[in-house]
């Protein structure tokens, strides 16, 4: 399917789209996705909106600074500093869900640098504004997993279109398990593997196709966000107490 993408889609986006399983394209709403890809492609070329979004993103957390600065690459850090950098990146990942102005999707290693003041995130045009219902649903999905609060979780999954009345009880339970595995909410000492992510992504798409879903393009954008997070955390090679980092940023 990648060879059928419009020519305006740059390599950065093609690399992320390659994580969508071939069979998965049949479950995606194409027209809204192409509109988002066109918009992001223009942002990558023009840097439109980057400075404005960086201002709001920089106020979300004290875990890092949002600034285009030079510094030490993450790959050069020792284990202790890699762990601290990964913790900060996870906090930033969670904090961005609070921002109605949009979120930066590219959390790859090259977007970070360390200087004397700490960790810096270097923003790019790979950003998106999600539908508020979906964005707030993601916040409640994590809250529902981590609290745990089964009612809040199901409410979020219905609002985002994952659960619906056409599923029977066993199918709904299967989907909850697939989503929990995909969003990595089951461990306090979690190691990150992009291969594990790909397997859970494939399993989710298999479920969606088998049950005739038409996925919002926002789901693909969230996939991009998670892919870049996993790539970086795998490269850092540390374990993280993800639940406590979530609670530090988002638990009410």
Protein backbone atom coordinates (compact mmCIF):
# COMPACT_ATOMS: atom_id res chain seq x y z
CA UNK A 1 0.00 0.00 0.00
CA UNK A 2 2.88 2.40 0.59
CA UNK A 3 3.56 2.59 -3.13
CA UNK A 4 0.01 3.88 -3.61
CA UNK A 5 0.44 6.84 -1.26
CA UNK A 6 0.31 10.29 -2.88
CA UNK A 7 3.67 11.75 -3.84
CA UNK A 8 3.34 14.57 -1.32
CA UNK A 9 3.81 12.15 1.62
CA UNK A 10 7.45 12.55 2.79
CA UNK A 11 9.78 9.78 3.89
CA UNK A 12 9.32 10.55 7.58
CA UNK A 13 5.63 9.71 7.31
CA UNK A 14 6.15 6.73 5.00
CA UNK A 15 8.46 5.17 7.59
CA UNK A 16 5.73 5.44 10.22
CA UNK A 17 2.96 4.26 7.88
CA UNK A 18 5.03 1.15 7.19
CA UNK A 19 4.07 -0.05 10.70
CA UNK A 20 0.42 -0.34 9.65
CA UNK A 21 -0.04 -4.02 8.67
CA UNK A 22 -0.96 -4.55 5.02
CA UNK A 23 -4.34 -5.98 5.98
CA UNK A 24 -4.95 -3.03 8.30
CA UNK A 25 -5.47 -0.49 5.56
CA UNK A 26 -8.95 -1.94 4.98
CA UNK A 27 -10.03 -0.79 8.45
CA UNK A 28 -8.99 2.88 8.09
CA UNK A 29 -11.12 5.83 6.99
CA UNK A 30 -8.99 6.91 4.06
CA UNK A 31 -10.30 10.38 3.23
CA UNK A 32 -9.70 11.92 6.70
CA UNK A 33 -6.32 10.18 6.92
CA UNK A 34 -5.16 11.57 3.59
CA UNK A 35 -6.27 15.04 4.67
CA UNK A 36 -4.18 14.73 7.84
CA UNK A 37 -1.18 13.38 5.93
CA UNK A 38 -1.38 16.30 3.50
CA UNK A 39 -1.54 18.80 6.37
CA UNK A 40 1.39 17.22 8.22
CA UNK A 41 3.45 17.00 5.03
CA UNK A 42 3.02 20.75 4.56
CA UNK A 43 3.92 21.38 8.21
CA UNK A 44 7.12 19.33 7.87
CA UNK A 45 8.15 21.40 4.86
CA UNK A 46 7.09 24.81 6.17
CA UNK A 47 7.39 24.37 9.98
CA UNK A 48 3.97 25.98 10.16
CA UNK A 49 2.58 26.10 13.69
CA UNK A 50 5.69 24.63 15.32
CA UNK A 51 6.71 27.69 17.32
CA UNK A 52 3.18 28.32 18.59
CA UNK A 53 2.63 24.73 19.66
CA UNK A 54 6.08 24.63 21.27
CA UNK A 55 5.04 27.50 23.54
CA UNK A 56 2.02 25.64 24.87
CA UNK A 57 3.81 22.26 25.03
CA UNK A 58 6.59 23.84 27.06
CA UNK A 59 4.16 24.65 29.88
CA UNK A 60 2.76 21.13 30.27
CA UNK A 61 5.47 19.53 32.41
CA UNK A 62 8.78 20.25 34.10
CA UNK A 63 10.17 16.91 32.87
CA UNK A 64 11.99 18.59 29.96
CA UNK A 65 12.26 21.80 27.98
CA UNK A 66 10.79 22.29 24.52
CA UNK A 67 13.54 24.09 22.67
CA UNK A 68 15.60 23.69 19.50
CA UNK A 69 19.03 23.61 21.11
CA UNK A 70 22.27 21.73 20.62
CA UNK A 71 23.43 19.26 23.21
CA UNK A 72 24.57 15.76 23.98
CA UNK A 73 22.84 12.97 22.05
CA UNK A 74 20.85 10.41 24.03
CA UNK A 75 22.91 7.55 22.61
CA UNK A 76 26.02 8.88 24.37
CA UNK A 77 24.48 8.75 27.86
CA UNK A 78 25.29 6.16 30.51
CA UNK A 79 22.63 3.83 31.91
CA UNK A 80 21.55 6.08 34.80
CA UNK A 81 21.09 9.12 32.57
CA UNK A 82 19.36 7.02 29.92
CA UNK A 83 16.87 5.92 32.55
CA UNK A 84 16.27 9.53 33.62
CA UNK A 85 15.86 10.62 29.99
CA UNK A 86 13.37 7.81 29.32
CA UNK A 87 11.37 8.74 32.41
CA UNK A 88 11.23 12.36 31.25
CA UNK A 89 10.15 11.36 27.74
CA UNK A 90 7.35 9.20 29.13
CA UNK A 91 6.17 12.08 31.30
CA UNK A 92 6.16 14.33 28.24
CA UNK A 93 4.27 11.65 26.28
CA UNK A 94 1.52 11.64 28.91
CA UNK A 95 1.53 15.40 29.46
CA UNK A 96 0.86 16.17 25.80
CA UNK A 97 -2.55 14.51 26.00
CA UNK A 98 -3.65 17.50 28.08
CA UNK A 99 -2.96 19.98 25.28
CA UNK A 100 -6.02 20.89 23.16
CA UNK A 101 -3.75 22.91 20.84
CA UNK A 102 -2.12 19.72 19.51
CA UNK A 103 0.70 17.33 20.21
CA UNK A 104 4.11 16.69 18.71
CA UNK A 105 4.12 13.16 17.32
CA UNK A 106 7.84 12.69 16.72
CA UNK A 107 9.54 11.43 19.88
CA UNK A 108 12.40 9.73 18.05
CA UNK A 109 15.91 9.89 19.49
CA UNK A 110 17.01 12.62 17.08
CA UNK A 111 14.42 15.00 18.56
CA UNK A 112 16.17 15.11 21.96
CA UNK A 113 19.40 16.57 23.28
CA UNK A 114 20.87 16.96 26.77
CA UNK A 115 22.65 20.10 27.94
CA UNK A 116 23.64 21.48 31.35
CA UNK A 117 20.01 22.46 32.04
CA UNK A 118 18.63 18.98 31.36
CA UNK A 119 16.71 17.24 28.61
CA UNK A 120 15.47 19.22 25.62
CA UNK A 121 12.83 18.23 23.08
CA UNK A 122 13.46 19.65 19.60
CA UNK A 123 10.06 20.08 17.94
CA UNK A 124 9.32 19.47 14.27
CA UNK A 125 6.39 19.89 11.90
CA UNK A 126 5.21 16.38 12.67
CA UNK A 127 2.38 17.50 14.91
CA UNK A 128 -1.38 17.08 14.88
CA UNK A 129 -4.51 18.40 16.52
CA UNK A 130 -6.72 15.50 17.54
CA UNK A 131 -10.47 15.55 17.87
CA UNK A 132 -11.12 16.57 21.49
CA UNK A 133 -13.40 13.59 22.11
CA UNK A 134 -10.64 11.21 21.03
CA UNK A 135 -7.88 13.08 22.90
CA UNK A 136 -9.87 13.22 26.14
CA UNK A 137 -10.86 9.61 25.60
CA UNK A 138 -7.17 8.69 25.57
CA UNK A 139 -6.71 10.46 28.91
CA UNK A 140 -9.59 8.51 30.40
CA UNK A 141 -8.36 5.27 28.82
CA UNK A 142 -5.09 5.61 30.72
CA UNK A 143 -6.88 6.67 33.90
CA UNK A 144 -9.22 3.71 33.56
CA UNK A 145 -6.31 1.29 33.14
CA UNK A 146 -4.13 2.67 35.90
CA UNK A 147 -6.67 3.55 38.62
CA UNK A 148 -8.12 0.94 37.80
CA UNK A 149 -11.65 2.08 36.97
CA UNK A 150 -13.50 -0.32 34.67
CA UNK A 151 -16.49 2.01 34.22
CA UNK A 152 -14.30 4.96 33.22
CA UNK A 153 -12.33 2.73 30.85
CA UNK A 154 -15.45 1.44 29.11
CA UNK A 155 -16.89 4.94 28.85
CA UNK A 156 -13.69 6.10 27.14
CA UNK A 157 -13.65 3.12 24.78
CA UNK A 158 -17.26 3.77 23.75
CA UNK A 159 -16.58 7.48 23.17
CA UNK A 160 -13.59 6.69 20.96
CA UNK A 161 -15.53 4.10 18.98
CA UNK A 162 -13.57 1.04 20.13
CA UNK A 163 -16.40 -0.56 22.09
CA UNK A 164 -19.88 -0.66 20.59
CA UNK A 165 -23.15 -2.47 21.21
CA UNK A 166 -22.53 -4.88 18.34
CA UNK A 167 -19.84 -6.72 20.31
CA UNK A 168 -20.81 -9.54 22.62
CA UNK A 169 -19.28 -9.87 26.10
CA UNK A 170 -16.41 -12.13 25.09
CA UNK A 171 -15.52 -9.93 22.11
CA UNK A 172 -15.53 -6.83 24.33
CA UNK A 173 -13.25 -8.58 26.83
CA UNK A 174 -10.91 -9.61 24.00
CA UNK A 175 -10.72 -6.03 22.78
CA UNK A 176 -10.01 -4.69 26.27
CA UNK A 177 -7.12 -7.13 26.57
CA UNK A 178 -5.72 -6.21 23.16
CA UNK A 179 -5.87 -2.50 24.00
CA UNK A 180 -4.24 -3.04 27.38
CA UNK A 181 -1.39 -4.95 25.73
CA UNK A 182 -1.05 -2.32 23.02
CA UNK A 183 -0.95 0.71 25.29
CA UNK A 184 1.51 -1.02 27.63
CA UNK A 185 -0.33 -0.45 30.87
CA UNK A 186 0.32 -3.77 32.57
CA UNK A 187 3.77 -3.27 34.12
CA UNK A 188 5.46 -1.12 36.74
CA UNK A 189 8.88 -2.13 35.39
CA UNK A 190 8.33 -2.02 31.67
CA UNK A 191 10.91 -2.63 28.97
CA UNK A 192 10.02 -1.30 25.52
CA UNK A 193 10.31 -3.36 22.33
CA UNK A 194 9.21 -2.10 18.93
CA UNK A 195 8.71 -5.71 17.83
CA UNK A 196 6.27 -6.24 20.71
CA UNK A 197 4.51 -3.03 19.73
CA UNK A 198 4.23 -4.18 16.12
CA UNK A 199 2.74 -7.51 17.21
CA UNK A 200 0.11 -5.81 19.39
CA UNK A 201 -0.65 -3.31 16.59
CA UNK A 202 -1.15 -6.20 14.16
CA UNK A 203 -3.40 -8.03 16.63
CA UNK A 204 -5.55 -4.94 17.10
CA UNK A 205 -5.93 -4.44 13.36
CA UNK A 206 -6.85 -8.12 12.96
CA UNK A 207 -9.63 -7.63 15.50
CA UNK A 208 -10.83 -4.43 13.86
CA UNK A 209 -10.92 -6.00 10.39
CA UNK A 210 -12.64 -9.16 11.59
CA UNK A 211 -15.33 -7.00 13.21
CA UNK A 212 -15.78 -4.55 10.31
CA UNK A 213 -14.45 -1.41 12.01
CA UNK A 214 -13.78 1.85 10.19
CA UNK A 215 -11.05 3.47 12.26
CA UNK A 216 -10.72 7.20 12.71
CA UNK A 217 -7.56 8.72 11.30
CA UNK A 218 -6.82 9.91 14.85
CA UNK A 219 -6.13 6.27 15.77
CA UNK A 220 -3.37 6.16 13.15
CA UNK A 221 -1.90 9.42 14.51
CA UNK A 222 -1.84 7.91 18.01
CA UNK A 223 -0.09 4.92 16.46
CA UNK A 224 2.59 7.23 15.05
CA UNK A 225 3.02 8.79 18.49
CA UNK A 226 3.47 5.41 20.17
CA UNK A 227 5.81 4.12 17.47
CA UNK A 228 8.23 7.00 17.95
CA UNK A 229 8.01 6.60 21.74
CA UNK A 230 8.79 2.89 21.55
CA UNK A 231 11.67 3.41 19.11
CA UNK A 232 13.35 5.82 21.51
CA UNK A 233 12.71 3.88 24.70
CA UNK A 234 13.95 0.67 23.08
CA UNK A 235 17.11 2.49 21.98
CA UNK A 236 17.65 3.74 25.55
CA UNK A 237 17.29 0.16 26.79
CA UNK A 238 16.00 0.82 30.31
CA UNK A 239 13.00 -0.28 32.35
CA UNK A 240 10.47 2.30 33.50
CA UNK A 241 7.78 2.51 36.16
CA UNK A 242 5.24 3.76 33.66
CA UNK A 243 2.32 3.79 36.08
CA UNK A 244 4.06 6.12 38.52
CA UNK A 245 5.16 8.41 35.68
CA UNK A 246 1.57 8.58 34.45
CA UNK A 247 0.35 9.33 37.96
CA UNK A 248 2.91 12.10 38.34
CA UNK A 249 1.61 13.84 35.22
CA UNK A 250 -2.06 13.03 34.91
CA UNK A 251 -3.61 11.36 37.94
CA UNK A 252 -6.25 13.66 39.39
